[in-house]
Each structure stands twice: as C-alpha cells, then as structure tokens.
N, C-alpha and C. Protein backbone atom coordinates (compact mmCIF):
# COMPACT_ATOMS: atom_id res chain seq x y z
N MET A 1 7.84 15.37 1.51
CA MET A 1 7.39 13.98 1.56
C MET A 1 6.41 13.81 2.71
N LEU A 2 5.53 12.86 2.60
CA LEU A 2 4.55 12.54 3.63
C LEU A 2 5.18 11.63 4.68
N LYS A 3 4.87 11.85 5.95
CA LYS A 3 5.33 10.98 7.03
C LYS A 3 4.09 10.41 7.73
N PRO A 4 3.87 9.10 7.62
CA PRO A 4 2.69 8.50 8.24
C PRO A 4 2.81 8.46 9.76
N LEU A 5 1.68 8.52 10.42
CA LEU A 5 1.62 8.47 11.88
C LEU A 5 1.19 7.09 12.35
N GLY A 6 1.62 6.73 13.54
CA GLY A 6 1.20 5.47 14.15
C GLY A 6 1.57 4.26 13.33
N ASP A 7 0.60 3.38 13.11
CA ASP A 7 0.84 2.13 12.38
C ASP A 7 0.46 2.24 10.90
N ARG A 8 0.52 3.45 10.38
CA ARG A 8 0.16 3.64 8.97
C ARG A 8 1.38 3.48 8.06
N VAL A 9 1.09 3.08 6.82
CA VAL A 9 2.11 2.85 5.81
C VAL A 9 1.66 3.57 4.54
N ILE A 10 2.57 4.25 3.86
CA ILE A 10 2.25 4.91 2.59
C ILE A 10 2.89 4.09 1.48
N VAL A 11 2.09 3.77 0.46
CA VAL A 11 2.56 2.94 -0.65
C VAL A 11 2.20 3.58 -1.99
N THR A 12 2.94 3.19 -3.01
CA THR A 12 2.56 3.51 -4.38
C THR A 12 2.06 2.21 -4.99
N VAL A 13 0.84 2.24 -5.46
CA VAL A 13 0.18 1.05 -5.98
C VAL A 13 0.70 0.73 -7.37
N ASP A 14 0.95 -0.55 -7.64
CA ASP A 14 1.37 -0.99 -8.97
C ASP A 14 0.28 -0.69 -9.98
N LYS A 15 0.67 -0.40 -11.19
CA LYS A 15 -0.28 -0.08 -12.26
C LYS A 15 -1.01 -1.34 -12.71
N GLU A 16 -2.29 -1.18 -13.04
CA GLU A 16 -3.07 -2.32 -13.51
C GLU A 16 -2.71 -2.64 -14.96
N GLU A 17 -2.93 -3.88 -15.31
CA GLU A 17 -2.64 -4.34 -16.67
C GLU A 17 -3.62 -3.74 -17.66
N GLU A 18 -3.11 -3.29 -18.80
CA GLU A 18 -3.94 -2.73 -19.87
C GLU A 18 -4.50 -3.84 -20.78
N LYS A 19 -3.79 -4.97 -20.85
CA LYS A 19 -4.20 -6.06 -21.74
C LYS A 19 -4.26 -7.37 -20.99
N THR A 20 -5.06 -8.28 -21.52
CA THR A 20 -5.11 -9.64 -20.97
C THR A 20 -3.93 -10.43 -21.56
N VAL A 21 -3.76 -11.65 -21.08
CA VAL A 21 -2.69 -12.51 -21.60
C VAL A 21 -2.87 -12.73 -23.10
N GLY A 22 -4.11 -12.80 -23.56
CA GLY A 22 -4.38 -13.00 -24.98
C GLY A 22 -4.24 -11.75 -25.82
N GLY A 23 -3.95 -10.61 -25.21
CA GLY A 23 -3.72 -9.38 -25.95
C GLY A 23 -4.94 -8.49 -26.09
N ILE A 24 -6.04 -8.81 -25.41
CA ILE A 24 -7.25 -8.00 -25.50
C ILE A 24 -7.10 -6.78 -24.61
N VAL A 25 -7.36 -5.59 -25.15
CA VAL A 25 -7.28 -4.36 -24.38
C VAL A 25 -8.53 -4.23 -23.52
N LEU A 26 -8.34 -3.96 -22.23
CA LEU A 26 -9.45 -3.88 -21.30
C LEU A 26 -9.95 -2.45 -21.13
N ALA A 27 -11.26 -2.32 -21.00
CA ALA A 27 -11.86 -1.02 -20.68
C ALA A 27 -11.56 -0.70 -19.22
N ASN A 28 -11.56 0.57 -18.86
CA ASN A 28 -11.23 0.97 -17.48
C ASN A 28 -12.12 0.30 -16.44
N ASN A 29 -13.41 0.15 -16.73
CA ASN A 29 -14.31 -0.45 -15.73
C ASN A 29 -14.16 -1.97 -15.65
N ALA A 30 -13.45 -2.60 -16.57
CA ALA A 30 -13.26 -4.05 -16.55
C ALA A 30 -11.97 -4.45 -15.85
N LYS A 31 -11.11 -3.48 -15.54
CA LYS A 31 -9.82 -3.77 -14.91
C LYS A 31 -10.02 -4.04 -13.42
N GLU A 32 -9.24 -4.99 -12.91
CA GLU A 32 -9.27 -5.25 -11.48
C GLU A 32 -8.34 -4.28 -10.78
N LYS A 33 -8.73 -3.86 -9.60
CA LYS A 33 -7.89 -2.98 -8.80
C LYS A 33 -6.65 -3.77 -8.36
N PRO A 34 -5.45 -3.25 -8.60
CA PRO A 34 -4.25 -3.97 -8.18
C PRO A 34 -4.18 -4.07 -6.66
N GLN A 35 -3.55 -5.13 -6.18
CA GLN A 35 -3.44 -5.33 -4.74
C GLN A 35 -1.98 -5.40 -4.29
N THR A 36 -1.05 -5.02 -5.16
CA THR A 36 0.35 -5.00 -4.77
C THR A 36 0.86 -3.57 -4.86
N ALA A 37 1.83 -3.27 -4.01
CA ALA A 37 2.35 -1.91 -3.95
C ALA A 37 3.76 -1.92 -3.37
N GLU A 38 4.46 -0.79 -3.55
CA GLU A 38 5.78 -0.62 -2.95
C GLU A 38 5.66 0.38 -1.80
N VAL A 39 6.25 0.04 -0.67
CA VAL A 39 6.21 0.89 0.52
C VAL A 39 7.19 2.06 0.33
N VAL A 40 6.68 3.30 0.53
CA VAL A 40 7.54 4.48 0.40
C VAL A 40 7.76 5.19 1.73
N ALA A 41 6.92 4.93 2.73
CA ALA A 41 7.10 5.52 4.07
C ALA A 41 6.37 4.67 5.10
N VAL A 42 6.93 4.62 6.30
CA VAL A 42 6.39 3.80 7.38
C VAL A 42 6.32 4.63 8.65
N GLY A 43 5.22 4.49 9.40
CA GLY A 43 5.07 5.18 10.68
C GLY A 43 5.93 4.56 11.76
N GLU A 44 5.87 5.13 12.95
CA GLU A 44 6.67 4.67 14.08
C GLU A 44 6.17 3.35 14.65
N GLY A 45 4.89 3.06 14.50
CA GLY A 45 4.30 1.85 15.06
C GLY A 45 3.13 2.22 15.96
N SER A 46 2.32 1.22 16.29
CA SER A 46 1.16 1.48 17.14
C SER A 46 1.61 1.57 18.60
N ILE A 47 0.84 2.32 19.38
CA ILE A 47 1.15 2.52 20.79
C ILE A 47 0.15 1.72 21.63
N THR A 48 0.66 0.94 22.56
CA THR A 48 -0.19 0.12 23.42
C THR A 48 -0.81 0.98 24.51
N GLU A 49 -1.73 0.40 25.27
CA GLU A 49 -2.40 1.14 26.34
C GLU A 49 -1.43 1.59 27.44
N ASP A 50 -0.34 0.84 27.62
CA ASP A 50 0.64 1.23 28.64
C ASP A 50 1.74 2.14 28.09
N GLY A 51 1.57 2.64 26.86
CA GLY A 51 2.48 3.64 26.30
C GLY A 51 3.68 3.10 25.54
N LYS A 52 3.78 1.79 25.37
CA LYS A 52 4.89 1.21 24.62
C LYS A 52 4.59 1.26 23.12
N THR A 53 5.62 1.47 22.32
CA THR A 53 5.47 1.47 20.87
C THR A 53 5.80 0.10 20.32
N LEU A 54 4.86 -0.49 19.57
CA LEU A 54 5.10 -1.77 18.92
C LEU A 54 5.77 -1.50 17.58
N PRO A 55 6.92 -2.10 17.31
CA PRO A 55 7.63 -1.82 16.06
C PRO A 55 6.87 -2.34 14.84
N MET A 56 7.10 -1.69 13.71
CA MET A 56 6.47 -2.09 12.45
C MET A 56 7.23 -3.28 11.85
N HIS A 57 6.51 -4.15 11.17
CA HIS A 57 7.12 -5.30 10.50
C HIS A 57 7.44 -4.98 9.04
N ILE A 58 6.98 -3.85 8.56
CA ILE A 58 7.16 -3.43 7.18
C ILE A 58 8.25 -2.37 7.14
N LYS A 59 9.04 -2.35 6.05
CA LYS A 59 10.04 -1.30 5.91
C LYS A 59 9.96 -0.68 4.52
N VAL A 60 10.54 0.49 4.37
CA VAL A 60 10.54 1.19 3.09
C VAL A 60 11.22 0.30 2.04
N GLY A 61 10.61 0.22 0.87
CA GLY A 61 11.15 -0.59 -0.22
C GLY A 61 10.51 -1.96 -0.34
N ASP A 62 9.79 -2.41 0.69
CA ASP A 62 9.11 -3.70 0.63
C ASP A 62 8.02 -3.67 -0.43
N LYS A 63 7.83 -4.78 -1.10
CA LYS A 63 6.71 -4.98 -2.02
C LYS A 63 5.67 -5.74 -1.21
N VAL A 64 4.44 -5.21 -1.12
CA VAL A 64 3.43 -5.80 -0.25
C VAL A 64 2.14 -6.12 -1.00
N LEU A 65 1.38 -7.03 -0.42
CA LEU A 65 0.06 -7.41 -0.90
C LEU A 65 -0.93 -6.94 0.15
N PHE A 66 -1.96 -6.17 -0.26
CA PHE A 66 -2.88 -5.59 0.72
C PHE A 66 -4.32 -5.95 0.39
N ASP A 67 -5.22 -5.76 1.37
CA ASP A 67 -6.65 -6.01 1.19
C ASP A 67 -7.18 -5.18 0.03
N LYS A 68 -8.10 -5.73 -0.72
CA LYS A 68 -8.60 -5.12 -1.95
C LYS A 68 -9.19 -3.73 -1.76
N TYR A 69 -9.97 -3.51 -0.72
CA TYR A 69 -10.64 -2.23 -0.55
C TYR A 69 -10.09 -1.44 0.63
N ALA A 70 -8.86 -1.70 1.00
CA ALA A 70 -8.25 -1.04 2.16
C ALA A 70 -7.64 0.30 1.79
N GLY A 71 -7.50 1.15 2.79
CA GLY A 71 -6.72 2.37 2.64
C GLY A 71 -7.48 3.56 2.10
N SER A 72 -6.75 4.67 2.08
CA SER A 72 -7.27 5.94 1.57
C SER A 72 -6.34 6.45 0.48
N ASN A 73 -6.92 6.80 -0.67
CA ASN A 73 -6.13 7.35 -1.76
C ASN A 73 -5.87 8.83 -1.51
N VAL A 74 -4.63 9.25 -1.72
CA VAL A 74 -4.27 10.67 -1.59
C VAL A 74 -3.37 11.05 -2.76
N LYS A 75 -3.40 12.32 -3.10
CA LYS A 75 -2.51 12.84 -4.13
C LYS A 75 -1.66 13.91 -3.47
N PHE A 76 -0.33 13.81 -3.62
CA PHE A 76 0.60 14.77 -3.03
C PHE A 76 1.73 15.01 -4.02
N ASP A 77 1.98 16.27 -4.33
CA ASP A 77 3.01 16.63 -5.32
C ASP A 77 2.84 15.87 -6.64
N ASP A 78 1.61 15.82 -7.13
CA ASP A 78 1.27 15.17 -8.41
C ASP A 78 1.55 13.66 -8.44
N THR A 79 1.65 13.04 -7.28
CA THR A 79 1.85 11.60 -7.20
C THR A 79 0.71 11.00 -6.40
N ASP A 80 0.18 9.86 -6.87
CA ASP A 80 -0.90 9.16 -6.16
C ASP A 80 -0.31 8.17 -5.17
N TYR A 81 -0.83 8.20 -3.95
CA TYR A 81 -0.41 7.29 -2.89
C TYR A 81 -1.63 6.63 -2.28
N LEU A 82 -1.39 5.54 -1.58
CA LEU A 82 -2.41 4.87 -0.79
C LEU A 82 -1.88 4.77 0.63
N ILE A 83 -2.68 5.22 1.60
CA ILE A 83 -2.30 5.14 3.00
C ILE A 83 -3.07 4.00 3.65
N LEU A 84 -2.34 3.04 4.20
CA LEU A 84 -2.90 1.83 4.80
C LEU A 84 -2.51 1.72 6.26
N HIS A 85 -3.30 0.99 7.03
CA HIS A 85 -2.87 0.56 8.35
C HIS A 85 -2.06 -0.72 8.15
N GLU A 86 -1.12 -0.98 9.03
CA GLU A 86 -0.31 -2.19 8.91
C GLU A 86 -1.18 -3.44 8.89
N LYS A 87 -2.29 -3.44 9.62
CA LYS A 87 -3.17 -4.63 9.67
C LYS A 87 -3.82 -4.93 8.32
N ASP A 88 -3.87 -3.94 7.40
CA ASP A 88 -4.45 -4.15 6.07
C ASP A 88 -3.48 -4.80 5.10
N ILE A 89 -2.22 -4.91 5.49
CA ILE A 89 -1.22 -5.55 4.65
C ILE A 89 -1.20 -7.04 4.99
N MET A 90 -1.42 -7.88 3.96
CA MET A 90 -1.54 -9.31 4.18
C MET A 90 -0.21 -10.05 4.07
N ALA A 91 0.72 -9.51 3.26
CA ALA A 91 1.98 -10.24 3.05
C ALA A 91 3.02 -9.31 2.44
N ILE A 92 4.27 -9.69 2.64
CA ILE A 92 5.40 -9.07 1.94
C ILE A 92 5.74 -9.98 0.80
N VAL A 93 5.83 -9.44 -0.41
CA VAL A 93 6.15 -10.24 -1.59
C VAL A 93 7.67 -10.34 -1.68
N GLU A 94 8.17 -11.55 -1.56
CA GLU A 94 9.61 -11.75 -1.64
C GLU A 94 10.00 -12.03 -3.09
N LYS A 95 11.12 -11.48 -3.47
CA LYS A 95 11.58 -11.59 -4.86
C LYS A 95 12.30 -12.87 -5.12
C-alpha cells in the first residue's frame, strides 16, 4: 500500500456517470471529471517552521470534495489513485 508523506492524502475517485438523468449515454469527452472521492491513506501532517507537526483534519474512510484540477494521478497495483494536498480538499461529505 502507498503511504503519503506530509500533508498529502491518497484517494480513490468516484466513477463518473455514464448517462444523464434523461438516460442519454455520454461520450468520454463530454463527461465531467468527478470531484468526490474516498480517502484511503493520510499522511502525518504538515510540519511548521519550528518543527511541530500539524495534525490532519481528514481520516481514512472520509468521503471528500476536492478542487477540480487538483492532485496527481497514479496507478499502483492495477488501481488508480489521486494524491492530493490537504489544502486541495474543500469539504468532507457527511452522510
């Protein structure tokens, strides 16, 4: 498994919708990039100039909403992940 460093978070992005509400099948280039994901790993937190570690506000299992063009896509063990900084996460989606 991947272990993020610092204030990074690893997420699995939710799959985009294949159809519209009316049932129209969308072409790949017409689909919007999803902005919700599930957190699968969390770093230790960012380190301040005086050496203190700031704790993360996100935990494994959280459903989050992130900036549209944030993060880096990676593939590990045939699974696609997105690595984000905590600052790129806008909200935790509560159920």
